[in-house]
């Protein structure tokens, strides 16, 4: 079941030029930079997939710690 979830996350997040967030919304200067650069956009997407995968692999307590660390 866990591997199916990971595959769904990867497939839903992987496009050739798509940041991990909606580039059509009002953006901060950093988000504009990411959306305007194919390489940065792909790197952002890759990082998002890795982060989601890490959350899936962690226990509930580990997820909370990762989320708190990120802030």
C-alpha atoms as a PDB file:
ATOM      1  CA  UNK A   1       0.000   0.000   0.000  1.00  0.00           C
ATOM      2  CA  UNK A   2       2.803   2.406   0.913  1.00  0.00           C
ATOM      3  CA  UNK A   3       4.571   1.859  -2.420  1.00  0.00           C
ATOM      4  CA  UNK A   4       1.337   2.593  -4.314  1.00  0.00           C
ATOM      5  CA  UNK A   5       1.048   5.908  -2.460  1.00  0.00           C
ATOM      6  CA  UNK A   6       4.659   6.809  -3.323  1.00  0.00           C
ATOM      7  CA  UNK A   7       4.089   6.036  -7.003  1.00  0.00           C
ATOM      8  CA  UNK A   8       0.964   8.205  -7.021  1.00  0.00           C
ATOM      9  CA  UNK A   9       2.896  11.073  -5.437  1.00  0.00           C
ATOM     10  CA  UNK A  10       5.692  10.779  -7.953  1.00  0.00           C
ATOM     11  CA  UNK A  11       3.389  10.583 -10.947  1.00  0.00           C
ATOM     12  CA  UNK A  12       1.220  13.454  -9.783  1.00  0.00           C
ATOM     13  CA  UNK A  13       4.247  15.669  -9.188  1.00  0.00           C
ATOM     14  CA  UNK A  14       6.377  14.948 -12.222  1.00  0.00           C
ATOM     15  CA  UNK A  15       5.931  17.109 -15.267  1.00  0.00           C
ATOM     16  CA  UNK A  16       8.594  18.503 -17.518  1.00  0.00           C
ATOM     17  CA  UNK A  17       8.401  22.084 -16.198  1.00  0.00           C
ATOM     18  CA  UNK A  18       6.256  22.444 -13.109  1.00  0.00           C
ATOM     19  CA  UNK A  19       7.129  23.834  -9.724  1.00  0.00           C
ATOM     20  CA  UNK A  20       5.676  22.167  -6.648  1.00  0.00           C
ATOM     21  CA  UNK A  21       3.205  25.052  -6.299  1.00  0.00           C
ATOM     22  CA  UNK A  22       0.729  26.817  -8.562  1.00  0.00           C
ATOM     23  CA  UNK A  23       2.613  29.331 -10.719  1.00  0.00           C
ATOM     24  CA  UNK A  24      -0.704  30.895 -11.747  1.00  0.00           C
ATOM     25  CA  UNK A  25      -1.379  32.398  -8.319  1.00  0.00           C
ATOM     26  CA  UNK A  26       0.033  35.578  -6.810  1.00  0.00           C
ATOM     27  CA  UNK A  27       3.706  34.765  -6.239  1.00  0.00           C
ATOM     28  CA  UNK A  28       6.524  35.958  -4.043  1.00  0.00           C
ATOM     29  CA  UNK A  29       9.713  37.110  -5.810  1.00  0.00           C
ATOM     30  CA  UNK A  30      11.374  33.738  -5.103  1.00  0.00           C
ATOM     31  CA  UNK A  31       8.374  31.814  -6.463  1.00  0.00           C
ATOM     32  CA  UNK A  32       8.432  33.987  -9.608  1.00  0.00           C
ATOM     33  CA  UNK A  33      12.105  33.128 -10.048  1.00  0.00           C
ATOM     34  CA  UNK A  34      11.369  29.405  -9.707  1.00  0.00           C
ATOM     35  CA  UNK A  35       8.401  29.545 -12.089  1.00  0.00           C
ATOM     36  CA  UNK A  36      10.392  31.515 -14.660  1.00  0.00           C
ATOM     37  CA  UNK A  37      13.324  29.114 -14.800  1.00  0.00           C
ATOM     38  CA  UNK A  38      12.929  25.557 -16.096  1.00  0.00           C
ATOM     39  CA  UNK A  39      15.901  24.194 -14.155  1.00  0.00           C
ATOM     40  CA  UNK A  40      14.841  25.757 -10.843  1.00  0.00           C
ATOM     41  CA  UNK A  41      11.272  24.624 -11.405  1.00  0.00           C
ATOM     42  CA  UNK A  42      12.368  21.028 -11.962  1.00  0.00           C
ATOM     43  CA  UNK A  43      14.664  21.124  -8.919  1.00  0.00           C
ATOM     44  CA  UNK A  44      11.793  22.473  -6.805  1.00  0.00           C
ATOM     45  CA  UNK A  45       9.566  19.663  -8.032  1.00  0.00           C
ATOM     46  CA  UNK A  46      12.257  17.045  -7.318  1.00  0.00           C
ATOM     47  CA  UNK A  47      12.677  18.378  -3.785  1.00  0.00           C
ATOM     48  CA  UNK A  48       8.910  18.296  -3.244  1.00  0.00           C
ATOM     49  CA  UNK A  49       8.721  14.642  -4.338  1.00  0.00           C
ATOM     50  CA  UNK A  50      11.621  13.720  -2.031  1.00  0.00           C
ATOM     51  CA  UNK A  51       9.982  15.549   0.891  1.00  0.00           C
ATOM     52  CA  UNK A  52       6.647  13.789   0.339  1.00  0.00           C
ATOM     53  CA  UNK A  53       8.442  10.446   0.067  1.00  0.00           C
ATOM     54  CA  UNK A  54      10.263  11.125   3.354  1.00  0.00           C
ATOM     55  CA  UNK A  55       6.953  11.892   5.080  1.00  0.00           C
ATOM     56  CA  UNK A  56       5.469   8.620   3.831  1.00  0.00           C
ATOM     57  CA  UNK A  57       8.458   6.650   5.095  1.00  0.00           C
ATOM     58  CA  UNK A  58       8.513   8.236   8.556  1.00  0.00           C
ATOM     59  CA  UNK A  59       6.461   7.399  11.602  1.00  0.00           C
ATOM     60  CA  UNK A  60       3.863   9.915  12.757  1.00  0.00           C
ATOM     61  CA  UNK A  61       6.268  11.324  15.372  1.00  0.00           C
ATOM     62  CA  UNK A  62       9.004  11.612  12.767  1.00  0.00           C
ATOM     63  CA  UNK A  63       6.657  13.467  10.418  1.00  0.00           C
ATOM     64  CA  UNK A  64       5.840  16.003  13.110  1.00  0.00           C
ATOM     65  CA  UNK A  65       9.539  16.549  13.798  1.00  0.00           C
ATOM     66  CA  UNK A  66      10.318  16.991  10.096  1.00  0.00           C
ATOM     67  CA  UNK A  67       7.509  19.486   9.641  1.00  0.00           C
ATOM     68  CA  UNK A  68       8.588  21.458  12.733  1.00  0.00           C
ATOM     69  CA  UNK A  69      12.231  21.418  11.571  1.00  0.00           C
ATOM     70  CA  UNK A  70      11.212  22.770   8.192  1.00  0.00           C
ATOM     71  CA  UNK A  71       9.680  25.882   9.728  1.00  0.00           C
END
